[in-house]
Each structure stands twice: as C-alpha cells, then as structure tokens.
PDB file of N, CA and C in Angstrom:
ATOM      1  N   ASP A   1      87.136  24.459  36.552  1.00  0.00           N
ATOM      2  CA  ASP A   1      86.406  23.669  35.559  1.00  0.00           C
ATOM      3  C   ASP A   1      84.888  23.861  35.812  1.00  0.00           C
ATOM      4  N   GLU A   2      84.074  23.255  34.953  1.00  0.00           N
ATOM      5  CA  GLU A   2      82.653  23.529  35.043  1.00  0.00           C
ATOM      6  C   GLU A   2      81.988  22.907  36.304  1.00  0.00           C
ATOM      7  N   PHE A   3      82.570  21.849  36.858  1.00  0.00           N
ATOM      8  CA  PHE A   3      81.992  21.270  38.071  1.00  0.00           C
ATOM      9  C   PHE A   3      82.589  21.803  39.382  1.00  0.00           C
ATOM     10  N   GLY A   4      83.622  22.590  39.325  1.00  0.00           N
ATOM     11  CA  GLY A   4      84.091  23.195  40.535  1.00  0.00           C
ATOM     12  C   GLY A   4      84.912  22.182  41.413  1.00  0.00           C
ATOM     13  N   LEU A   5      85.328  21.103  40.798  1.00  0.00           N
ATOM     14  CA  LEU A   5      86.091  20.178  41.516  1.00  0.00           C
ATOM     15  C   LEU A   5      87.610  20.397  41.289  1.00  0.00           C
ATOM     16  N   SER A   6      88.378  20.042  42.318  1.00  0.00           N
ATOM     17  CA  SER A   6      89.849  20.249  42.194  1.00  0.00           C
ATOM     18  C   SER A   6      90.532  19.053  42.899  1.00  0.00           C
ATOM     19  N   THR A   7      91.810  19.001  42.618  1.00  0.00           N
ATOM     20  CA  THR A   7      92.602  17.904  43.305  1.00  0.00           C
ATOM     21  C   THR A   7      93.820  18.611  43.932  1.00  0.00           C
ATOM     22  N   GLN A   8      94.344  18.025  44.992  1.00  0.00           N
ATOM     23  CA  GLN A   8      95.479  18.513  45.585  1.00  0.00           C
ATOM     24  C   GLN A   8      96.449  17.320  45.721  1.00  0.00           C
ATOM     25  N   ASN A   9      97.686  17.523  45.274  1.00  0.00           N
ATOM     26  CA  ASN A   9      98.657  16.335  45.215  1.00  0.00           C
ATOM     27  C   ASN A   9      98.016  15.261  44.419  1.00  0.00           C
ATOM     28  N   ASP A  10      98.115  13.983  44.971  1.00  0.00           N
ATOM     29  CA  ASP A  10      97.423  12.846  44.304  1.00  0.00           C
ATOM     30  C   ASP A  10      96.165  12.500  45.119  1.00  0.00           C
ATOM     31  N   GLY A  11      95.601  13.462  45.893  1.00  0.00           N
ATOM     32  CA  GLY A  11      94.473  13.122  46.788  1.00  0.00           C
ATOM     33  C   GLY A  11      93.198  13.035  45.996  1.00  0.00           C
ATOM     34  N   LEU A  12      92.075  12.869  46.728  1.00  0.00           N
ATOM     35  CA  LEU A  12      90.799  12.815  46.163  1.00  0.00           C
ATOM     36  C   LEU A  12      90.317  14.328  45.939  1.00  0.00           C
ATOM     37  N   GLY A  13      89.438  14.459  44.994  1.00  0.00           N
ATOM     38  CA  GLY A  13      88.908  15.828  44.619  1.00  0.00           C
ATOM     39  C   GLY A  13      88.188  16.544  45.821  1.00  0.00           C
ATOM     40  N   GLY A  14      88.465  17.831  45.885  1.00  0.00           N
ATOM     41  CA  GLY A  14      87.765  18.690  46.922  1.00  0.00           C
ATOM     42  C   GLY A  14      86.591  19.382  46.219  1.00  0.00           C
ATOM     43  N   LEU A  15      85.917  20.159  46.993  1.00  0.00           N
ATOM     44  CA  LEU A  15      84.681  20.869  46.464  1.00  0.00           C
ATOM     45  C   LEU A  15      85.061  22.292  46.044  1.00  0.00           C
ATOM     46  N   ASP A  16      86.163  22.787  46.476  1.00  0.00           N
ATOM     47  CA  ASP A  16      86.579  24.181  46.230  1.00  0.00           C
ATOM     48  C   ASP A  16      88.057  24.249  46.306  1.00  0.00           C
ATOM     49  N   ASP A  17      88.719  25.035  45.456  1.00  0.00           N
ATOM     50  CA  ASP A  17      90.176  25.186  45.490  1.00  0.00           C
ATOM     51  C   ASP A  17      90.699  25.673  46.846  1.00  0.00           C
ATOM     52  N   ASN A  18      89.876  26.336  47.571  1.00  0.00           N
ATOM     53  CA  ASN A  18      90.339  26.985  48.912  1.00  0.00           C
ATOM     54  C   ASN A  18      89.733  26.231  50.119  1.00  0.00           C
ATOM     55  N   ASP A  19      89.196  25.026  49.845  1.00  0.00           N
ATOM     56  CA  ASP A  19      88.453  24.296  50.843  1.00  0.00           C
ATOM     57  C   ASP A  19      89.215  23.064  51.279  1.00  0.00           C
ATOM     58  N   ASP A  20      90.284  23.196  52.000  1.00  0.00           N
ATOM     59  CA  ASP A  20      91.120  22.027  52.405  1.00  0.00           C
ATOM     60  C   ASP A  20      90.385  21.065  53.238  1.00  0.00           C
ATOM     61  N   GLU A  21      89.311  21.413  53.871  1.00  0.00           N
ATOM     62  CA  GLU A  21      88.549  20.490  54.762  1.00  0.00           C
ATOM     63  C   GLU A  21      88.027  19.314  53.983  1.00  0.00           C
ATOM     64  N   HIS A  22      87.656  19.512  52.686  1.00  0.00           N
ATOM     65  CA  HIS A  22      87.122  18.428  51.909  1.00  0.00           C
ATOM     66  C   HIS A  22      88.111  17.650  51.067  1.00  0.00           C
ATOM     67  N   ILE A  23      89.397  17.944  51.295  1.00  0.00           N
ATOM     68  CA  ILE A  23      90.387  17.190  50.496  1.00  0.00           C
ATOM     69  C   ILE A  23      91.063  16.127  51.394  1.00  0.00           C
ATOM     70  N   ILE A  24      91.025  14.909  50.862  1.00  0.00           N
ATOM     71  CA  ILE A  24      91.623  13.703  51.638  1.00  0.00           C
ATOM     72  C   ILE A  24      92.764  13.215  50.743  1.00  0.00           C
ATOM     73  N   ASP A  25      93.943  13.150  51.306  1.00  0.00           N
ATOM     74  CA  ASP A  25      95.046  12.510  50.572  1.00  0.00           C
ATOM     75  C   ASP A  25      94.893  11.038  50.657  1.00  0.00           C
ATOM     76  N   GLY A  26      94.709  10.363  49.466  1.00  0.00           N
ATOM     77  CA  GLY A  26      94.516   8.935  49.479  1.00  0.00           C
ATOM     78  C   GLY A  26      95.913   8.232  49.223  1.00  0.00           C
ATOM     79  N   PRO A  27      95.833   6.966  49.138  1.00  0.00           N
ATOM     80  CA  PRO A  27      97.092   6.162  48.917  1.00  0.00           C
ATOM     81  C   PRO A  27      97.677   6.418  47.491  1.00  0.00           C
ATOM     82  N   ARG A  28      98.919   6.240  47.322  1.00  0.00           N
ATOM     83  CA  ARG A  28      99.647   6.345  45.980  1.00  0.00           C
ATOM     84  C   ARG A  28      99.894   4.975  45.490  1.00  0.00           C
ATOM     85  N   PHE A  29      99.808   4.790  44.225  1.00  0.00           N
ATOM     86  CA  PHE A  29     100.058   3.455  43.535  1.00  0.00           C
ATOM     87  C   PHE A  29     101.089   3.638  42.436  1.00  0.00           C
ATOM     88  N   PRO A  30     101.980   2.600  42.331  1.00  0.00           N
ATOM     89  CA  PRO A  30     103.017   2.676  41.327  1.00  0.00           C
ATOM     90  C   PRO A  30     102.503   2.339  39.881  1.00  0.00           C
ATOM     91  N   ALA A  31     101.241   1.923  39.793  1.00  0.00           N
ATOM     92  CA  ALA A  31     100.671   1.530  38.507  1.00  0.00           C
ATOM     93  C   ALA A  31      99.292   2.157  38.435  1.00  0.00           C
ATOM     94  N   PRO A  32      98.718   2.199  37.209  1.00  0.00           N
ATOM     95  CA  PRO A  32      97.441   2.870  37.044  1.00  0.00           C
ATOM     96  C   PRO A  32      96.336   2.235  37.920  1.00  0.00           C
ATOM     97  N   VAL A  33      95.414   3.111  38.465  1.00  0.00           N
ATOM     98  CA  VAL A  33      94.248   2.599  39.098  1.00  0.00           C
ATOM     99  C   VAL A  33      93.165   2.309  38.026  1.00  0.00           C
ATOM    100  N   ARG A  34      92.639   1.093  37.958  1.00  0.00           N
ATOM    101  CA  ARG A  34      91.649   0.615  37.078  1.00  0.00           C
ATOM    102  C   ARG A  34      90.256   0.855  37.443  1.00  0.00           C
ATOM    103  N   ASP A  35      89.951   0.868  38.729  1.00  0.00           N
ATOM    104  CA  ASP A  35      88.580   0.968  39.171  1.00  0.00           C
ATOM    105  C   ASP A  35      88.545   1.505  40.587  1.00  0.00           C
ATOM    106  N   ILE A  36      87.599   2.330  40.965  1.00  0.00           N
ATOM    107  CA  ILE A  36      87.416   2.869  42.256  1.00  0.00           C
ATOM    108  C   ILE A  36      85.981   3.101  42.513  1.00  0.00           C
ATOM    109  N   GLN A  37      85.554   2.644  43.695  1.00  0.00           N
ATOM    110  CA  GLN A  37      84.120   2.772  43.994  1.00  0.00           C
ATOM    111  C   GLN A  37      83.888   3.161  45.401  1.00  0.00           C
ATOM    112  N   PHE A  38      83.063   4.161  45.703  1.00  0.00           N
ATOM    113  CA  PHE A  38      82.707   4.481  47.057  1.00  0.00           C
ATOM    114  C   PHE A  38      81.720   3.410  47.619  1.00  0.00           C
ATOM    115  N   SER A  39      81.824   3.141  48.937  1.00  0.00           N
ATOM    116  CA  SER A  39      80.911   2.257  49.581  1.00  0.00           C
ATOM    117  C   SER A  39      79.504   2.921  49.573  1.00  0.00           C
ATOM    118  N   PRO A  40      78.445   2.081  49.589  1.00  0.00           N
ATOM    119  CA  PRO A  40      77.061   2.669  49.553  1.00  0.00           C
ATOM    120  C   PRO A  40      76.873   3.506  50.829  1.00  0.00           C
ATOM    121  N   ARG A  41      75.919   4.412  50.664  1.00  0.00           N
ATOM    122  CA  ARG A  41      75.616   5.258  51.837  1.00  0.00           C
ATOM    123  C   ARG A  41      74.964   4.330  52.932  1.00  0.00           C
ATOM    124  N   ASP A  42      75.198   4.792  54.179  1.00  0.00           N
ATOM    125  CA  ASP A  42      74.491   4.036  55.214  1.00  0.00           C
ATOM    126  C   ASP A  42      72.978   4.224  55.213  1.00  0.00           C
ATOM    127  N   ASP A  43      72.300   3.514  56.076  1.00  0.00           N
ATOM    128  CA  ASP A  43      70.841   3.551  56.027  1.00  0.00           C
ATOM    129  C   ASP A  43      70.208   4.963  56.350  1.00  0.00           C
ATOM    130  N   ASP A  44      70.951   5.746  57.000  1.00  0.00           N
ATOM    131  CA  ASP A  44      70.473   7.125  57.335  1.00  0.00           C
ATOM    132  C   ASP A  44      70.900   8.144  56.208  1.00  0.00           C
ATOM    133  N   GLY A  45      71.447   7.667  55.102  1.00  0.00           N
ATOM    134  CA  GLY A  45      71.840   8.571  54.068  1.00  0.00           C
ATOM    135  C   GLY A  45      73.102   9.276  54.340  1.00  0.00           C
ATOM    136  N   GLY A  46      73.902   8.713  55.285  1.00  0.00           N
ATOM    137  CA  GLY A  46      75.169   9.384  55.630  1.00  0.00           C
ATOM    138  C   GLY A  46      76.208   9.221  54.519  1.00  0.00           C
ATOM    139  N   LYS A  47      77.409   9.666  54.867  1.00  0.00           N
ATOM    140  CA  LYS A  47      78.447   9.782  53.928  1.00  0.00           C
ATOM    141  C   LYS A  47      79.011   8.399  53.493  1.00  0.00           C
ATOM    142  N   HIS A  48      79.735   8.320  52.435  1.00  0.00           N
ATOM    143  CA  HIS A  48      80.474   7.139  52.009  1.00  0.00           C
ATOM    144  C   HIS A  48      81.782   7.127  52.742  1.00  0.00           C
ATOM    145  N   ASP A  49      81.997   6.072  53.557  1.00  0.00           N
ATOM    146  CA  ASP A  49      83.153   5.980  54.344  1.00  0.00           C
ATOM    147  C   ASP A  49      84.335   5.328  53.730  1.00  0.00           C
ATOM    148  N   TYR A  50      84.167   4.472  52.758  1.00  0.00           N
ATOM    149  CA  TYR A  50      85.274   3.667  52.235  1.00  0.00           C
ATOM    150  C   TYR A  50      85.301   3.700  50.709  1.00  0.00           C
ATOM    151  N   LEU A  51      86.531   3.446  50.207  1.00  0.00           N
ATOM    152  CA  LEU A  51      86.755   3.297  48.754  1.00  0.00           C
ATOM    153  C   LEU A  51      87.293   1.891  48.478  1.00  0.00           C
ATOM    154  N   ALA A  52      86.678   1.221  47.479  1.00  0.00           N
ATOM    155  CA  ALA A  52      87.232  -0.030  46.968  1.00  0.00           C
ATOM    156  C   ALA A  52      88.125   0.350  45.817  1.00  0.00           C
ATOM    157  N   ILE A  53      89.420  -0.052  45.775  1.00  0.00           N
ATOM    158  CA  ILE A  53      90.303   0.358  44.732  1.00  0.00           C
ATOM    159  C   ILE A  53      90.937  -0.808  44.095  1.00  0.00           C
ATOM    160  N   ALA A  54      90.829  -0.832  42.718  1.00  0.00           N
ATOM    161  CA  ALA A  54      91.526  -1.886  41.949  1.00  0.00           C
ATOM    162  C   ALA A  54      92.711  -1.227  41.143  1.00  0.00           C
ATOM    163  N   THR A  55      93.883  -1.748  41.216  1.00  0.00           N
ATOM    164  CA  THR A  55      95.031  -1.189  40.538  1.00  0.00           C
ATOM    165  C   THR A  55      95.826  -2.370  39.798  1.00  0.00           C
ATOM    166  N   GLU A  56      96.591  -1.924  38.792  1.00  0.00           N
ATOM    167  CA  GLU A  56      97.291  -2.934  38.010  1.00  0.00           C
ATOM    168  C   GLU A  56      98.436  -3.592  38.692  1.00  0.00           C
ATOM    169  N   ASP A  57      98.918  -3.010  39.760  1.00  0.00           N
ATOM    170  CA  ASP A  57     100.116  -3.451  40.494  1.00  0.00           C
ATOM    171  C   ASP A  57      99.705  -4.272  41.651  1.00  0.00           C
ATOM    172  N   SER A  58     100.549  -5.127  42.158  1.00  0.00           N
ATOM    173  CA  SER A  58     100.322  -5.945  43.325  1.00  0.00           C
ATOM    174  C   SER A  58     100.190  -4.984  44.548  1.00  0.00           C
ATOM    175  N   PRO A  59      99.285  -5.233  45.463  1.00  0.00           N
ATOM    176  CA  PRO A  59      98.457  -6.420  45.574  1.00  0.00           C
ATOM    177  C   PRO A  59      97.168  -6.408  44.676  1.00  0.00           C
ATOM    178  N   GLY A  60      96.907  -5.242  43.952  1.00  0.00           N
ATOM    179  CA  GLY A  60      95.848  -5.233  43.078  1.00  0.00           C
ATOM    180  C   GLY A  60      94.541  -4.714  43.590  1.00  0.00           C
ATOM    181  N   PHE A  61      94.330  -4.873  44.836  1.00  0.00           N
ATOM    182  CA  PHE A  61      92.995  -4.503  45.378  1.00  0.00           C
ATOM    183  C   PHE A  61      93.110  -4.118  46.881  1.00  0.00           C
ATOM    184  N   GLY A  62      92.281  -3.248  47.327  1.00  0.00           N
ATOM    185  CA  GLY A  62      92.181  -2.922  48.751  1.00  0.00           C
ATOM    186  C   GLY A  62      91.073  -1.946  49.018  1.00  0.00           C
ATOM    187  N   VAL A  63      90.774  -1.803  50.232  1.00  0.00           N
ATOM    188  CA  VAL A  63      89.756  -0.842  50.719  1.00  0.00           C
ATOM    189  C   VAL A  63      90.458   0.278  51.448  1.00  0.00           C
ATOM    190  N   PHE A  64      90.125   1.483  51.186  1.00  0.00           N
ATOM    191  CA  PHE A  64      90.662   2.602  51.894  1.00  0.00           C
ATOM    192  C   PHE A  64      89.644   3.350  52.610  1.00  0.00           C
ATOM    193  N   SER A  65      89.914   3.683  53.935  1.00  0.00           N
ATOM    194  CA  SER A  65      88.983   4.386  54.826  1.00  0.00           C
ATOM    195  C   SER A  65      89.113   5.830  54.556  1.00  0.00           C
ATOM    196  N   CYS A  66      88.004   6.536  54.255  1.00  0.00           N
ATOM    197  CA  CYS A  66      88.063   8.032  54.089  1.00  0.00           C
ATOM    198  C   CYS A  66      88.069   8.727  55.368  1.00  0.00           C
ATOM    199  N   THR A  67      87.668   8.067  56.435  1.00  0.00           N
ATOM    200  CA  THR A  67      87.721   8.762  57.776  1.00  0.00           C
ATOM    201  C   THR A  67      88.983   8.723  58.545  1.00  0.00           C
ATOM    202  N   ASP A  68      89.638   7.545  58.467  1.00  0.00           N
ATOM    203  CA  ASP A  68      90.927   7.471  59.198  1.00  0.00           C
ATOM    204  C   ASP A  68      92.100   7.170  58.342  1.00  0.00           C
ATOM    205  N   GLN A  69      91.974   7.174  57.018  1.00  0.00           N
ATOM    206  CA  GLN A  69      93.000   6.970  56.056  1.00  0.00           C
ATOM    207  C   GLN A  69      93.749   5.664  56.177  1.00  0.00           C
ATOM    208  N   LYS A  70      93.101   4.646  56.715  1.00  0.00           N
ATOM    209  CA  LYS A  70      93.763   3.273  56.877  1.00  0.00           C
ATOM    210  C   LYS A  70      93.413   2.432  55.618  1.00  0.00           C
ATOM    211  N   LYS A  71      94.302   1.522  55.308  1.00  0.00           N
ATOM    212  CA  LYS A  71      94.094   0.615  54.268  1.00  0.00           C
ATOM    213  C   LYS A  71      93.715  -0.803  54.761  1.00  0.00           C
ATOM    214  N   TYR A  72      92.811  -1.405  54.095  1.00  0.00           N
ATOM    215  CA  TYR A  72      92.352  -2.773  54.555  1.00  0.00           C
ATOM    216  C   TYR A  72      92.440  -3.727  53.420  1.00  0.00           C
ATOM    217  N   LEU A  73      92.692  -4.969  53.677  1.00  0.00           N
ATOM    218  CA  LEU A  73      92.649  -6.128  52.724  1.00  0.00           C
ATOM    219  C   LEU A  73      93.917  -6.095  51.743  1.00  0.00           C
ATOM    220  N   TRP A  74      94.853  -5.232  51.902  1.00  0.00           N
ATOM    221  CA  TRP A  74      95.951  -5.155  50.912  1.00  0.00           C
ATOM    222  C   TRP A  74      96.763  -6.441  50.978  1.00  0.00           C
ATOM    223  N   ASP A  75      97.122  -6.860  52.149  1.00  0.00           N
ATOM    224  CA  ASP A  75      97.941  -8.151  52.283  1.00  0.00           C
ATOM    225  C   ASP A  75      97.154  -9.313  51.823  1.00  0.00           C
ATOM    226  N   GLU A  76      95.858  -9.441  52.227  1.00  0.00           N
ATOM    227  CA  GLU A  76      95.044 -10.566  51.837  1.00  0.00           C
ATOM    228  C   GLU A  76      94.818 -10.583  50.298  1.00  0.00           C
ATOM    229  N   ALA A  77      94.639  -9.418  49.723  1.00  0.00           N
ATOM    230  CA  ALA A  77      94.419  -9.405  48.252  1.00  0.00           C
ATOM    231  C   ALA A  77      95.677  -9.840  47.542  1.00  0.00           C
ATOM    232  N   GLY A  78      96.834  -9.450  48.011  1.00  0.00           N
ATOM    233  CA  GLY A  78      98.114  -9.935  47.323  1.00  0.00           C
ATOM    234  C   GLY A  78      98.117 -11.369  47.352  1.00  0.00           C
ATOM    235  N   THR A  79      97.829 -11.974  48.433  1.00  0.00           N
ATOM    236  CA  THR A  79      97.883 -13.471  48.597  1.00  0.00           C
ATOM    237  C   THR A  79      96.866 -14.188  47.708  1.00  0.00           C
ATOM    238  N   ASN A  80      95.654 -13.719  47.796  1.00  0.00           N
ATOM    239  CA  ASN A  80      94.509 -14.405  47.131  1.00  0.00           C
ATOM    240  C   ASN A  80      94.453 -14.047  45.626  1.00  0.00           C
ATOM    241  N   HIS A  81      95.119 -13.013  45.178  1.00  0.00           N
ATOM    242  CA  HIS A  81      95.178 -12.717  43.735  1.00  0.00           C
ATOM    243  C   HIS A  81      96.502 -13.069  43.233  1.00  0.00           C
ATOM    244  N   ASP A  82      97.290 -13.886  43.905  1.00  0.00           N
ATOM    245  CA  ASP A  82      98.668 -14.303  43.463  1.00  0.00           C
ATOM    246  C   ASP A  82      99.498 -13.107  43.025  1.00  0.00           C
ATOM    247  N   TYR A  83      99.352 -12.058  43.743  1.00  0.00           N
ATOM    248  CA  TYR A  83     100.134 -10.837  43.537  1.00  0.00           C
ATOM    249  C   TYR A  83      99.948 -10.277  42.151  1.00  0.00           C
ATOM    250  N   ALA A  84      98.830 -10.555  41.457  1.00  0.00           N
ATOM    251  CA  ALA A  84      98.514  -9.998  40.175  1.00  0.00           C
ATOM    252  C   ALA A  84      97.702  -8.715  40.386  1.00  0.00           C
ATOM    253  N   GLY A  85      97.666  -7.817  39.427  1.00  0.00           N
ATOM    254  CA  GLY A  85      96.912  -6.607  39.526  1.00  0.00           C
ATOM    255  C   GLY A  85      95.426  -6.940  39.315  1.00  0.00           C
ATOM    256  N   CYS A  86      94.513  -5.975  39.572  1.00  0.00           N
ATOM    257  CA  CYS A  86      93.107  -6.166  39.460  1.00  0.00           C
ATOM    258  C   CYS A  86      92.530  -5.191  38.464  1.00  0.00           C
ATOM    259  N   THR A  87      91.491  -5.575  37.860  1.00  0.00           N
ATOM    260  CA  THR A  87      90.782  -4.667  36.888  1.00  0.00           C
ATOM    261  C   THR A  87      89.508  -4.030  37.501  1.00  0.00           C
ATOM    262  N   THR A  88      88.905  -4.725  38.472  1.00  0.00           N
ATOM    263  CA  THR A  88      87.612  -4.291  38.953  1.00  0.00           C
ATOM    264  C   THR A  88      87.492  -4.472  40.517  1.00  0.00           C
ATOM    265  N   ALA A  89      86.804  -3.526  41.101  1.00  0.00           N
ATOM    266  CA  ALA A  89      86.451  -3.646  42.529  1.00  0.00           C
ATOM    267  C   ALA A  89      85.099  -3.046  42.648  1.00  0.00           C
ATOM    268  N   SER A  90      84.094  -3.766  43.224  1.00  0.00           N
ATOM    269  CA  SER A  90      82.758  -3.321  43.235  1.00  0.00           C
ATOM    270  C   SER A  90      82.057  -3.723  44.515  1.00  0.00           C
ATOM    271  N   TYR A  91      81.334  -2.851  45.188  1.00  0.00           N
ATOM    272  CA  TYR A  91      80.540  -3.101  46.371  1.00  0.00           C
ATOM    273  C   TYR A  91      79.232  -3.791  45.979  1.00  0.00           C
ATOM    274  N   SER A  92      78.800  -4.635  46.853  1.00  0.00           N
ATOM    275  CA  SER A  92      77.397  -5.168  46.735  1.00  0.00           C
ATOM    276  C   SER A  92      76.412  -4.021  47.133  1.00  0.00           C
ATOM    277  N   PRO A  93      75.167  -4.095  46.696  1.00  0.00           N
ATOM    278  CA  PRO A  93      74.209  -3.046  47.007  1.00  0.00           C
ATOM    279  C   PRO A  93      74.163  -2.816  48.457  1.00  0.00           C
ATOM    280  N   ALA A  94      74.280  -3.791  49.320  1.00  0.00           N
ATOM    281  CA  ALA A  94      74.173  -3.573  50.769  1.00  0.00           C
ATOM    282  C   ALA A  94      75.477  -3.068  51.370  1.00  0.00           C
ATOM    283  N   GLY A  95      76.552  -3.131  50.588  1.00  0.00           N
ATOM    284  CA  GLY A  95      77.820  -2.660  51.053  1.00  0.00           C
ATOM    285  C   GLY A  95      78.534  -3.584  52.051  1.00  0.00           C
ATOM    286  N   THR A  96      78.068  -4.806  52.109  1.00  0.00           N
ATOM    287  CA  THR A  96      78.676  -5.777  53.131  1.00  0.00           C
ATOM    288  C   THR A  96      79.765  -6.631  52.390  1.00  0.00           C
ATOM    289  N   GLU A  97      79.694  -6.691  51.046  1.00  0.00           N
ATOM    290  CA  GLU A  97      80.718  -7.434  50.273  1.00  0.00           C
ATOM    291  C   GLU A  97      81.328  -6.615  49.203  1.00  0.00           C
ATOM    292  N   VAL A  98      82.555  -6.974  48.823  1.00  0.00           N
ATOM    293  CA  VAL A  98      83.125  -6.346  47.708  1.00  0.00           C
ATOM    294  C   VAL A  98      83.726  -7.480  46.797  1.00  0.00           C
ATOM    295  N   VAL A  99      83.550  -7.368  45.495  1.00  0.00           N
ATOM    296  CA  VAL A  99      84.095  -8.325  44.610  1.00  0.00           C
ATOM    297  C   VAL A  99      85.320  -7.671  43.836  1.00  0.00           C
ATOM    298  N   SER A 100      86.397  -8.463  43.715  1.00  0.00           N
ATOM    299  CA  SER A 100      87.536  -7.964  42.969  1.00  0.00           C
ATOM    300  C   SER A 100      87.876  -9.011  41.887  1.00  0.00           C
ATOM    301  N   ILE A 101      88.298  -8.500  40.713  1.00  0.00           N
ATOM    302  CA  ILE A 101      88.628  -9.389  39.660  1.00  0.00           C
ATOM    303  C   ILE A 101      90.048  -9.062  39.261  1.00  0.00           C
ATOM    304  N   ALA A 102      90.921 -10.087  39.267  1.00  0.00           N
ATOM    305  CA  ALA A 102      92.319  -9.887  38.912  1.00  0.00           C
ATOM    306  C   ALA A 102      92.577 -10.028  37.493  1.00  0.00           C
ATOM    307  N   THR A 103      93.804  -9.492  37.056  1.00  0.00           N
ATOM    308  CA  THR A 103      94.180  -9.639  35.634  1.00  0.00           C
ATOM    309  C   THR A 103      94.326 -11.012  35.172  1.00  0.00           C
ATOM    310  N   ASP A 104      94.460 -11.914  36.056  1.00  0.00           N
ATOM    311  CA  ASP A 104      94.585 -13.384  35.640  1.00  0.00           C
ATOM    312  C   ASP A 104      93.275 -14.082  35.625  1.00  0.00           C
ATOM    313  N   GLY A 105      92.182 -13.294  35.789  1.00  0.00           N
ATOM    314  CA  GLY A 105      90.869 -13.877  35.740  1.00  0.00           C
ATOM    315  C   GLY A 105      90.272 -14.362  37.055  1.00  0.00           C
ATOM    316  N   ARG A 106      91.024 -14.333  38.157  1.00  0.00           N
ATOM    317  CA  ARG A 106      90.463 -14.853  39.412  1.00  0.00           C
ATOM    318  C   ARG A 106      89.568 -13.839  40.042  1.00  0.00           C
ATOM    319  N   VAL A 107      88.408 -14.262  40.540  1.00  0.00           N
ATOM    320  CA  VAL A 107      87.398 -13.428  41.137  1.00  0.00           C
ATOM    321  C   VAL A 107      87.413 -13.790  42.639  1.00  0.00           C
ATOM    322  N   CYS A 108      87.433 -12.743  43.429  1.00  0.00           N
ATOM    323  CA  CYS A 108      87.446 -12.891  44.928  1.00  0.00           C
ATOM    324  C   CYS A 108      86.278 -12.073  45.465  1.00  0.00           C
ATOM    325  N   PHE A 109      85.639 -12.638  46.448  1.00  0.00           N
ATOM    326  CA  PHE A 109      84.475 -11.987  47.147  1.00  0.00           C
ATOM    327  C   PHE A 109      85.036 -11.790  48.582  1.00  0.00           C
ATOM    328  N   TRP A 110      84.912 -10.515  49.149  1.00  0.00           N
ATOM    329  CA  TRP A 110      85.360 -10.070  50.392  1.00  0.00           C
ATOM    330  C   TRP A 110      84.249  -9.645  51.279  1.00  0.00           C
ATOM    331  N   ASN A 111      84.136 -10.207  52.491  1.00  0.00           N
ATOM    332  CA  ASN A 111      83.241  -9.739  53.434  1.00  0.00           C
ATOM    333  C   ASN A 111      83.781  -8.508  54.111  1.00  0.00           C
ATOM    334  N   VAL A 112      83.151  -7.357  53.984  1.00  0.00           N
ATOM    335  CA  VAL A 112      83.642  -6.118  54.495  1.00  0.00           C
ATOM    336  C   VAL A 112      82.665  -5.530  55.564  1.00  0.00           C
ATOM    337  N   ALA A 113      81.703  -6.316  56.007  1.00  0.00           N
ATOM    338  CA  ALA A 113      80.793  -5.906  57.086  1.00  0.00           C
ATOM    339  C   ALA A 113      81.545  -5.654  58.292  1.00  0.00           C
ATOM    340  N   GLU A 114      81.202  -4.622  58.962  1.00  0.00           N
ATOM    341  CA  GLU A 114      81.981  -4.239  60.191  1.00  0.00           C
ATOM    342  C   GLU A 114      81.520  -5.110  61.339  1.00  0.00           C
TER     343      GLU A 114
END
C-alpha cells in the first residue's frame, strides 16, 4: 500500500513486510475494538510504550505494554465498568492518566503513572 505498512496475524502494523523486528502481536478481542491510543512519548522523545484499548466486549478497557506484551487494568476495568464494553480510551497529555468511557455512560479515570 502507499504507506508501506503491513500487519501480521492480528498484530500491530510493521514497517516492512519483511521486517519482523517491528511487528508486535497484540491481544485479541472477541468484539470490535472501538478506540486505541498510544501513550505520549517520554520527555526524551522516546518511543510509545503502552496502548490504551477500548473494546465493545467485557472488560471493555485495558492498557497493553508494547515492550513486554503484558495487559494492565483488565480486571479492574471489568469491575468498574460493570462488565460493559467501552467506546473510548484516551491518555492525558502527560500520560499519567487514562480516561475510559463505557457503553453504559460510566466514565472512569485511571492513574497509570509508573
């Protein structure tokens, strides 16, 4: 395609069809993903280390680490969003909080500072 991006399996896009170093297999979801956002770059302009993901299925929201492929806040999101799906997940400009909005209208703020 015109941007040179590709995907492998259900992972995140790589930079080149033959460049497996840039392909990260992310989590799979049984329902559509409604929103996904990279964490802001660090103060040194480094890479984006985390993804905030909102999906229609329970738990609806979570944070995925691009460096160690771990999932964070999935259990807490299920409880706090009454196991409803989410429509939005967005980082604060500083990257220390994430807001998630569930399909039932509940808004949750998450402290994600390390």
